[in-house]
Protein backbone atom coordinates (compact mmCIF):
# COMPACT_ATOMS: atom_id res chain seq x y z
CA MET A 1 18.02 -27.84 -55.16
CA LYS A 2 20.07 -29.00 -52.15
CA THR A 3 19.52 -25.63 -50.45
CA VAL A 4 15.76 -25.92 -50.89
CA ILE A 5 15.72 -29.45 -49.49
CA ALA A 6 17.87 -28.42 -46.50
CA ALA A 7 15.57 -25.49 -45.74
CA PHE A 8 12.55 -27.74 -46.01
CA LEU A 9 14.07 -30.27 -43.61
CA LEU A 10 14.89 -27.50 -41.13
CA VAL A 11 11.37 -26.09 -41.17
CA SER A 12 9.88 -29.58 -40.99
CA GLY A 13 11.99 -30.30 -37.92
CA LEU A 14 10.83 -27.13 -36.24
CA CYS A 15 7.21 -27.91 -37.02
CA ALA A 16 7.65 -31.46 -35.73
CA ALA A 17 9.03 -30.13 -32.44
CA ALA A 18 6.06 -27.84 -32.11
CA GLY A 19 3.74 -30.70 -33.02
CA ALA A 20 4.95 -32.73 -30.04
CA GLN A 21 2.38 -30.87 -27.98
CA ALA A 22 -0.37 -31.28 -30.58
CA GLY A 23 -2.24 -33.68 -28.35
CA ALA A 24 -2.92 -30.99 -25.74
CA ARG A 25 -4.63 -28.06 -27.43
CA LEU A 26 -4.67 -24.59 -25.91
CA GLY A 27 -8.26 -23.45 -25.52
CA LEU A 28 -9.47 -19.87 -25.26
CA ALA A 29 -11.34 -20.60 -22.03
CA GLU A 30 -8.10 -21.83 -20.44
CA VAL A 31 -6.29 -18.63 -21.46
CA LEU A 32 -9.07 -16.41 -20.08
CA ALA A 33 -9.16 -18.31 -16.78
CA GLU A 34 -5.40 -18.00 -16.29
CA VAL A 35 -5.37 -14.30 -17.18
CA ARG A 36 -8.15 -13.65 -14.69
CA ASP A 37 -6.37 -15.64 -12.01
CA LYS A 38 -2.78 -14.46 -12.44
CA ASN A 39 -2.54 -11.19 -14.36
CA PRO A 40 -0.72 -8.58 -12.19
CA ASP A 41 -2.66 -5.61 -13.56
CA LEU A 42 -5.93 -7.25 -12.60
CA LYS A 43 -4.60 -8.06 -9.14
CA ALA A 44 -3.59 -4.42 -8.69
CA ALA A 45 -7.07 -3.23 -9.71
CA LYS A 46 -8.62 -5.64 -7.21
CA ALA A 47 -6.33 -4.36 -4.44
CA VAL A 48 -7.40 -0.78 -5.15
CA SER A 49 -11.05 -1.83 -4.87
CA LEU A 50 -10.38 -3.53 -1.52
CA ALA A 51 -8.55 -0.44 -0.26
CA ALA A 52 -11.54 1.71 -1.18
CA LYS A 53 -13.84 -0.68 0.69
CA SER A 54 -11.75 -0.29 3.84
CA ARG A 55 -12.25 3.49 3.67
CA ILE A 56 -16.03 3.23 4.13
CA LYS A 57 -15.89 2.87 7.92
CA GLN A 58 -13.20 5.52 8.12
CA ALA A 59 -15.61 7.99 6.54
CA TYR A 60 -18.30 7.91 9.24
CA ILE A 61 -16.66 6.68 12.46
CA LEU A 62 -16.19 9.50 15.00
CA LYS A 63 -12.81 11.00 15.79
CA ASP A 64 -10.89 9.72 18.79
CA PRO A 65 -11.94 11.25 22.13
CA VAL A 66 -9.57 13.56 23.98
CA LEU A 67 -8.56 12.69 27.59
CA GLU A 68 -7.22 15.62 29.66
CA PHE A 69 -5.51 15.74 33.08
CA GLU A 70 -5.66 19.21 34.59
CA ARG A 71 -3.70 20.58 37.57
CA MET A 72 -5.02 24.01 38.65
CA TYR A 73 -4.18 26.62 41.32
CA THR A 74 -0.65 25.41 42.01
CA PRO A 75 1.17 27.85 44.41
CA ALA A 76 4.34 29.48 43.13
CA GLY A 77 7.41 27.39 43.85
CA LYS A 78 5.34 24.24 44.41
CA SER A 79 5.04 21.14 42.26
CA PHE A 80 1.92 20.86 40.12
CA ILE A 81 2.01 17.10 40.65
CA GLY A 82 1.33 16.99 44.39
CA ASP A 83 0.57 20.61 45.43
CA ALA A 84 -2.08 21.63 42.90
CA GLY A 85 -5.18 23.03 44.53
CA GLU A 86 -7.49 21.43 42.02
CA ARG A 87 -7.03 18.24 40.06
CA ASN A 88 -9.39 17.52 37.16
CA ILE A 89 -9.87 14.70 34.72
CA ALA A 90 -11.81 15.57 31.56
CA ILE A 91 -12.86 13.68 28.47
CA SER A 92 -14.24 15.34 25.36
CA GLN A 93 -15.63 14.01 22.11
CA GLU A 94 -16.12 15.81 18.83
CA ILE A 95 -19.36 14.69 17.18
CA ASP A 96 -19.79 15.50 13.52
CA ASN A 97 -23.29 16.33 12.39
CA PRO A 98 -25.04 12.95 11.81
CA TYR A 99 -26.34 14.17 8.45
CA LYS A 100 -22.77 14.86 7.31
CA LEU A 101 -21.65 11.45 8.53
CA LEU A 102 -24.42 9.80 6.52
CA LEU A 103 -23.38 11.70 3.40
CA ARG A 104 -19.70 10.82 3.87
CA LYS A 105 -20.60 7.17 4.26
CA SER A 106 -22.59 7.27 1.02
CA ILE A 107 -19.72 9.00 -0.79
CA ALA A 108 -17.27 6.35 0.44
CA LYS A 109 -19.60 3.60 -0.75
CA ASP A 110 -19.80 5.30 -4.15
CA GLU A 111 -16.01 5.42 -4.27
CA HIS A 112 -15.78 1.72 -3.50
CA ALA A 113 -18.36 0.95 -6.18
CA PHE A 114 -16.41 3.18 -8.60
CA TYR A 115 -13.18 1.24 -8.11
CA THR A 116 -15.07 -2.03 -8.29
CA THR A 117 -16.39 -1.07 -11.72
CA LEU A 118 -12.85 -0.09 -12.74
CA TYR A 119 -11.78 -3.61 -11.73
CA ASP A 120 -14.59 -5.06 -13.84
CA ALA A 121 -13.57 -2.83 -16.74
CA LYS A 122 -9.95 -3.99 -16.45
CA ASP A 123 -11.20 -7.58 -16.29
CA ARG A 124 -13.09 -7.18 -19.57
CA GLU A 125 -10.28 -5.20 -21.18
CA LEU A 126 -7.77 -7.96 -20.45
CA ALA A 127 -10.23 -10.60 -21.64
CA ALA A 128 -10.58 -8.78 -24.98
CA LYS A 129 -6.80 -8.41 -25.22
CA ALA A 130 -6.26 -12.08 -24.41
CA LYS A 131 -8.74 -13.08 -27.10
CA ALA A 132 -7.05 -10.87 -29.69
CA LEU A 133 -3.65 -12.40 -28.87
CA PHE A 134 -5.09 -15.92 -28.91
CA TYR A 135 -6.56 -15.23 -32.35
CA GLU A 136 -3.15 -13.97 -33.57
CA TYR A 137 -1.59 -17.16 -32.24
CA TYR A 138 -4.33 -19.16 -33.96
CA MET A 139 -3.79 -17.29 -37.23
CA ALA A 140 -0.04 -17.96 -37.17
CA ALA A 141 -0.68 -21.65 -36.50
CA LYS A 142 -3.17 -21.86 -39.38
CA ALA A 143 -0.78 -20.01 -41.69
CA GLY A 144 1.96 -22.50 -40.83
CA GLN A 145 -0.40 -25.37 -41.60
CA ILE A 146 -1.38 -23.84 -44.96
CA TYR A 147 2.22 -23.18 -45.97
CA ASN A 148 3.22 -26.73 -45.03
CA GLU A 149 0.42 -28.10 -47.21
CA THR A 150 1.51 -25.76 -50.01
CA VAL A 151 5.06 -27.09 -49.75
CA ASP A 152 3.75 -30.60 -50.33
CA VAL A 153 1.75 -29.44 -53.35
CA LEU A 154 4.69 -27.56 -54.84
CA GLN A 155 6.95 -30.56 -54.39
CA GLY A 156 4.42 -32.51 -56.43
CA PHE A 157 4.44 -29.81 -59.10
CA ALA A 158 8.24 -29.90 -59.20
CA LYS A 159 8.21 -33.66 -59.74
CA ILE A 160 5.70 -33.31 -62.58
CA ALA A 161 7.77 -30.56 -64.23
CA GLU A 162 10.99 -32.55 -63.89
CA ALA A 163 9.33 -35.69 -65.28
CA LYS A 164 8.00 -33.79 -68.29
CA TYR A 165 11.34 -32.11 -68.82
CA SER A 166 13.12 -35.48 -68.76
CA VAL A 167 10.99 -36.69 -71.70
CA GLY A 168 11.24 -33.40 -73.56
CA LYS A 169 7.62 -32.32 -73.03
CA ALA A 170 8.48 -29.24 -70.92
CA SER A 171 11.28 -26.74 -70.65
CA GLN A 172 13.81 -26.65 -67.86
CA SER A 173 12.39 -23.28 -66.78
CA ASP A 174 9.25 -25.02 -65.49
CA ALA A 175 11.30 -27.03 -63.01
CA ILE A 176 13.24 -23.92 -61.99
CA LYS A 177 10.02 -21.96 -61.47
CA ALA A 178 8.70 -24.73 -59.24
CA GLN A 179 11.86 -24.63 -57.11
CA VAL A 180 11.71 -20.82 -56.85
CA GLU A 181 8.10 -20.99 -55.72
CA LEU A 182 9.01 -23.69 -53.21
CA SER A 183 11.82 -21.54 -51.79
CA ARG A 184 9.47 -18.57 -51.50
CA THR A 185 6.93 -20.66 -49.58
CA LEU A 186 9.60 -22.03 -47.23
CA ASN A 187 10.72 -18.46 -46.45
CA MET A 188 7.12 -17.51 -45.64
CA LEU A 189 6.93 -20.54 -43.36
CA VAL A 190 9.90 -19.26 -41.35
CA THR A 191 8.28 -15.80 -41.10
CA VAL A 192 5.03 -17.32 -39.87
CA LYS A 193 6.91 -19.30 -37.23
CA GLN A 194 8.43 -16.06 -35.92
CA GLU A 195 4.98 -14.45 -35.78
CA LYS A 196 3.68 -17.45 -33.85
CA GLU A 197 6.53 -17.19 -31.33
CA THR A 198 5.82 -13.48 -30.85
CA ALA A 199 2.12 -14.10 -30.22
CA ALA A 200 2.99 -16.92 -27.79
CA ALA A 201 5.37 -14.65 -25.85
CA MET A 202 2.71 -11.95 -25.53
CA LEU A 203 0.12 -14.50 -24.40
CA ASN A 204 2.54 -15.87 -21.79
CA ALA A 205 3.20 -12.36 -20.47
CA LEU A 206 -0.53 -11.70 -20.16
CA MET A 207 -0.89 -14.94 -18.17
CA ASP A 208 2.09 -13.96 -15.97
CA ARG A 209 4.23 -16.78 -17.35
CA ASP A 210 7.79 -16.81 -18.61
CA THR A 211 7.71 -15.45 -22.16
CA LEU A 212 9.75 -18.47 -23.31
CA ALA A 213 7.34 -20.99 -21.79
CA PRO A 214 6.05 -23.42 -24.47
CA LEU A 215 2.39 -23.24 -25.45
CA PRO A 216 0.34 -26.06 -26.98
CA GLU A 217 -1.16 -25.63 -30.42
CA PRO A 218 -4.36 -23.53 -30.36
CA ALA A 219 -7.70 -25.29 -30.37
CA GLU A 220 -10.08 -24.72 -33.26
CA LEU A 221 -12.37 -21.74 -32.98
CA GLU A 222 -15.97 -22.64 -32.31
CA PRO A 223 -18.45 -21.35 -34.91
CA ALA A 224 -20.46 -18.42 -33.63
CA ARG A 225 -24.24 -18.50 -33.42
CA ALA A 226 -26.60 -15.83 -34.62
CA GLY A 227 -27.14 -13.34 -31.83
CA ALA A 228 -28.35 -9.94 -30.77
CA GLY A 229 -28.66 -6.93 -33.06
CA TYR A 230 -27.12 -3.54 -32.44
CA GLU A 231 -30.09 -1.99 -30.64
CA GLU A 232 -30.24 -4.86 -28.16
CA LEU A 233 -26.45 -4.74 -27.67
CA ARG A 234 -26.55 -0.98 -27.09
CA ALA A 235 -29.33 -1.31 -24.52
CA ALA A 236 -27.31 -3.95 -22.70
CA ALA A 237 -24.15 -1.85 -22.87
CA PHE A 238 -25.86 1.17 -21.29
CA VAL A 239 -26.73 -1.03 -18.32
CA LEU A 240 -23.81 -3.48 -18.07
CA ASN A 241 -20.72 -1.71 -19.40
CA PRO A 242 -18.48 -1.19 -16.34
CA GLY A 243 -16.69 1.81 -17.84
CA LEU A 244 -19.99 3.64 -18.28
CA LYS A 245 -21.03 2.54 -14.79
CA SER A 246 -17.91 4.18 -13.39
CA TYR A 247 -18.88 7.50 -14.99
CA SER A 248 -22.43 7.14 -13.63
CA LEU A 249 -21.09 6.47 -10.14
CA LYS A 250 -18.70 9.39 -10.45
CA ALA A 251 -21.63 11.67 -11.30
CA ALA A 252 -23.67 10.33 -8.37
CA GLN A 253 -20.72 10.84 -6.05
CA ALA A 254 -20.32 14.41 -7.30
CA GLY A 255 -23.97 15.03 -6.50
CA ARG A 256 -23.51 13.81 -2.95
CA ARG A 257 -20.39 15.94 -2.57
CA LEU A 258 -22.46 18.93 -3.57
CA THR A 259 -25.04 18.03 -0.92
CA LEU A 260 -22.24 17.57 1.63
CA SER A 261 -20.76 20.96 0.80
CA LYS A 262 -24.16 22.54 1.43
CA ALA A 263 -24.37 20.63 4.72
CA GLU A 264 -21.23 22.46 5.88
CA TYR A 265 -23.57 25.30 6.87
CA LEU A 266 -24.87 22.98 9.61
CA PRO A 267 -23.09 22.90 12.99
CA ASP A 268 -21.00 20.06 14.45
CA PHE A 269 -21.00 19.22 18.16
CA MET A 270 -18.64 18.75 21.10
CA LEU A 271 -19.45 16.82 24.29
CA LEU A 272 -17.32 17.36 27.42
CA TYR A 273 -17.29 15.64 30.83
CA ARG A 274 -14.99 16.84 33.68
CA LYS A 275 -14.45 15.24 37.11
CA ARG A 276 -13.02 17.59 39.76
CA LYS A 277 -10.92 16.96 42.90
CA ALA A 278 -10.64 20.12 45.02
CA PRO A 279 -9.83 21.07 48.68
CA GLY A 280 -13.17 22.67 49.46
CA GLN A 281 -16.18 20.52 50.19
CA ASP A 282 -18.36 22.51 47.82
CA MET A 283 -16.12 21.82 44.82
CA ASP A 284 -14.66 18.45 45.75
CA ASN A 285 -15.96 15.48 43.76
CA THR A 286 -18.07 17.66 41.52
CA TYR A 287 -18.32 17.25 37.77
CA ASP A 288 -19.10 19.37 34.73
CA VAL A 289 -20.91 18.50 31.51
CA ALA A 290 -20.70 20.75 28.48
CA LEU A 291 -22.26 20.57 25.02
CA GLY A 292 -20.74 22.82 22.39
CA LEU A 293 -21.43 23.39 18.73
CA THR A 294 -19.56 24.96 15.89
CA VAL A 295 -20.79 28.19 14.42
CA PRO A 296 -20.31 28.32 10.61
CA LEU A 297 -19.55 32.01 10.72
CA TRP A 298 -17.31 32.39 7.66
CA PHE A 299 -19.94 31.81 5.00
CA ALA A 300 -17.57 32.68 2.17
CA LYS A 301 -15.76 29.39 2.80
CA GLN A 302 -18.94 27.30 2.57
CA LYS A 303 -20.08 29.28 -0.46
CA ALA A 304 -16.80 28.52 -2.26
CA MET A 305 -17.12 24.83 -1.36
CA VAL A 306 -20.64 24.70 -2.81
CA LYS A 307 -19.49 26.43 -5.98
CA GLU A 308 -16.58 24.02 -6.42
CA ALA A 309 -18.75 20.96 -5.82
CA GLY A 310 -21.37 22.26 -8.25
CA ALA A 311 -18.78 22.66 -10.99
CA GLU A 312 -17.47 19.14 -10.34
CA LYS A 313 -21.00 17.78 -10.57
CA GLU A 314 -21.56 19.48 -13.93
CA MET A 315 -18.24 18.10 -15.17
CA ALA A 316 -19.06 14.56 -14.01
CA GLU A 317 -22.47 14.65 -15.69
CA ALA A 318 -20.94 15.93 -18.94
CA GLU A 319 -18.28 13.23 -18.81
CA TYR A 320 -20.98 10.60 -18.35
CA LYS A 321 -22.89 11.84 -21.40
CA ALA A 322 -19.69 11.93 -23.48
CA ALA A 323 -18.77 8.40 -22.38
CA ARG A 324 -22.28 7.18 -23.22
CA ASN A 325 -22.10 8.65 -26.72
CA GLU A 326 -18.60 7.25 -27.27
CA LEU A 327 -19.72 3.82 -26.09
CA ALA A 328 -22.64 3.81 -28.53
CA SER A 329 -20.33 4.88 -31.37
CA ASP A 330 -17.60 2.34 -30.57
CA LEU A 331 -20.16 -0.44 -30.22
CA ARG A 332 -21.69 0.46 -33.57
CA GLU A 333 -18.27 0.34 -35.24
CA ALA A 334 -17.41 -3.02 -33.67
CA ASP A 335 -20.83 -4.44 -34.55
CA ILE A 336 -20.59 -3.38 -38.20
CA LYS A 337 -17.04 -4.68 -38.62
CA ALA A 338 -17.88 -7.99 -36.95
CA ARG A 339 -20.87 -8.46 -39.26
CA SER A 340 -18.84 -7.48 -42.33
CA SER A 341 -16.10 -9.95 -41.41
CA LEU A 342 -18.68 -12.69 -40.87
CA ARG A 343 -20.14 -12.04 -44.31
CA LEU A 344 -16.68 -12.40 -45.87
CA VAL A 345 -16.03 -15.59 -43.87
CA ASP A 346 -19.21 -17.14 -45.27
CA LEU A 347 -18.45 -15.89 -48.79
CA TYR A 348 -14.93 -17.33 -48.83
CA ARG A 349 -15.93 -20.60 -47.18
CA ASN A 350 -18.96 -21.31 -49.36
CA SER A 351 -17.98 -19.78 -52.69
CA VAL A 352 -14.55 -18.24 -53.26
CA ILE A 353 -12.28 -21.01 -51.91
CA PRO A 354 -14.23 -23.91 -53.52
CA GLN A 355 -13.98 -22.10 -56.87
CA ALA A 356 -10.23 -21.54 -56.40
CA GLU A 357 -9.75 -25.23 -55.55
CA GLU A 358 -11.62 -26.21 -58.69
CA ALA A 359 -9.54 -23.79 -60.75
CA LEU A 360 -6.36 -25.38 -59.40
CA LYS A 361 -7.56 -28.85 -60.34
CA ILE A 362 -8.36 -27.68 -63.85
CA ALA A 363 -4.96 -26.00 -64.20
CA GLN A 364 -3.17 -29.12 -62.95
CA SER A 365 -5.09 -31.37 -65.36
CA GLY A 366 -4.46 -28.93 -68.20
CA TYR A 367 -0.73 -28.83 -67.53
CA GLN A 368 -0.47 -32.60 -67.35
CA ALA A 369 -2.39 -32.83 -70.63
CA GLU A 370 -0.15 -30.14 -72.15
CA LYS A 371 -3.11 -27.82 -72.63
CA ALA A 372 -1.98 -25.18 -70.10
CA ASP A 373 1.24 -23.37 -69.28
CA PHE A 374 3.13 -24.07 -66.05
CA MET A 375 2.68 -20.44 -64.97
CA ASP A 376 -1.09 -20.98 -65.12
CA LEU A 377 -0.63 -23.81 -62.66
CA LEU A 378 1.54 -21.72 -60.33
CA ASP A 379 -0.86 -18.76 -60.53
CA ALA A 380 -3.78 -21.02 -59.59
CA GLN A 381 -1.80 -22.37 -56.63
CA ARG A 382 -0.80 -18.86 -55.50
CA THR A 383 -4.39 -17.69 -55.76
CA LEU A 384 -5.65 -20.56 -53.64
CA LEU A 385 -2.90 -19.96 -51.07
CA ASP A 386 -3.73 -16.24 -50.82
CA LEU A 387 -7.46 -16.91 -50.56
CA ARG A 388 -7.01 -19.49 -47.81
CA MET A 389 -4.85 -17.04 -45.88
CA ASP A 390 -7.45 -14.29 -46.41
CA TYR A 391 -10.16 -16.62 -45.15
CA TYR A 392 -8.44 -17.18 -41.81
CA ARG A 393 -7.62 -13.48 -41.54
CA TYR A 394 -11.32 -12.74 -41.86
CA VAL A 395 -12.07 -15.43 -39.27
CA VAL A 396 -9.60 -13.79 -36.88
CA ASP A 397 -10.95 -10.31 -37.68
CA TYR A 398 -14.46 -11.53 -36.97
CA GLN A 399 -13.51 -13.11 -33.65
CA THR A 400 -11.45 -10.06 -32.63
CA TRP A 401 -14.24 -7.59 -33.36
CA LEU A 402 -16.66 -9.96 -31.65
CA ALA A 403 -14.46 -9.80 -28.54
CA ARG A 404 -14.62 -6.02 -28.77
CA VAL A 405 -18.42 -6.19 -28.96
CA GLU A 406 -18.42 -8.42 -25.89
CA GLN A 407 -16.21 -5.98 -24.00
CA LEU A 408 -18.35 -2.97 -24.88
CA ALA A 409 -21.66 -4.75 -24.26
CA GLY A 410 -20.51 -5.71 -20.77
CA THR A 411 -20.70 -9.47 -21.21
CA PRO A 412 -18.88 -11.24 -18.34
CA PRO A 413 -15.37 -12.42 -19.34
CA GLY A 414 -15.40 -16.03 -20.42
CA GLY A 415 -19.16 -15.89 -20.96
CA ALA A 416 -21.06 -16.39 -24.18
CA ILE A 417 -20.01 -14.03 -26.94
CA PRO A 418 -22.91 -12.00 -28.35
CA ALA A 419 -22.61 -13.36 -31.88
CA GLN A 420 -23.57 -11.26 -34.89
CA GLN A 421 -26.15 -11.79 -37.59
CA GLU A 422 -25.54 -11.38 -41.30
CA ILE A 423 -25.78 -7.83 -42.68
CA LYS A 424 -28.75 -7.48 -44.99
């Protein structure tokens, strides 16, 4: 008995310490905002997108011009610096075919858009992960609350059993059973506290905080509203999902690379200007202008480039189709599981738990009136405890699958969750 009381006081002290922050509740919106602002993975994805943006100008700006200083017709044994017969200054500029430059610019823009969609995908992925961890933290907090309430109830049962035993209306085993059940519940309370600390550490890491930083108690989850059906969600996902967008951009970029490889059959240009300083009057202070162009003579090279780019285009298009099919399948799974969890939430809230509470009241009245066994009372209490825990598990499952639906449908992080309707 003393051991049970000591354990209860220890757990109560721990819960009281955690309850010191009860006034400031941790909201999901706050978690999402901090993850988006501080998460290192998201910052890295943004940096990659900015790097790709800086490569756009690099793709179409001309190469640096070449400046040449020529010394010609220097007599043997003389210095080319002061004795050269002809001194020329030339500047030349390679000019890529403007059509190729236009294609390279478009490809670089596609690459930037590709990495931007990867950033958006990472943003939504981390938002879904943050929600799942928040719901785990919420579940652990609710479990702790339920077990604490159960401890109070079991203490009341123990007092009833001891009072009946003292007047000879119950056996000593009833009081012992009550203490055993109380010890079991206190052990579960310690386990739940550990689960809560684990979820808090993972949330802190996602928000780039110290894993030991204290977190306030989680705010209550807002009830979801009826929302879009699967067909509407799928249509939105095909347009908004950033992962699918990245595959679409990759396919478009592959198409432009194929066009660019075909454009390698076209010539590039070279512009040259030369200013001459020579001894003779006819050549002195004259200048030359030359326009050259490349001759794509080795057609096997261009042919191989076209073949390679064509294969890459086919691969990119196939990957896009595969990603589209996988997205539709994953969204269907998430939609079904979210709806199923919602149905169970409603069933437990409106029917199962009220019936279990009524059964516990009947068992308690029956035991006090000596019309029921003490084990019937404990079984009713255990059943209610398990059902309450199951209810919050279904709530968390529903919210977690709903976050997955949001991620797949391409809803902006922190925006309204596309809530599910009841399965018919």
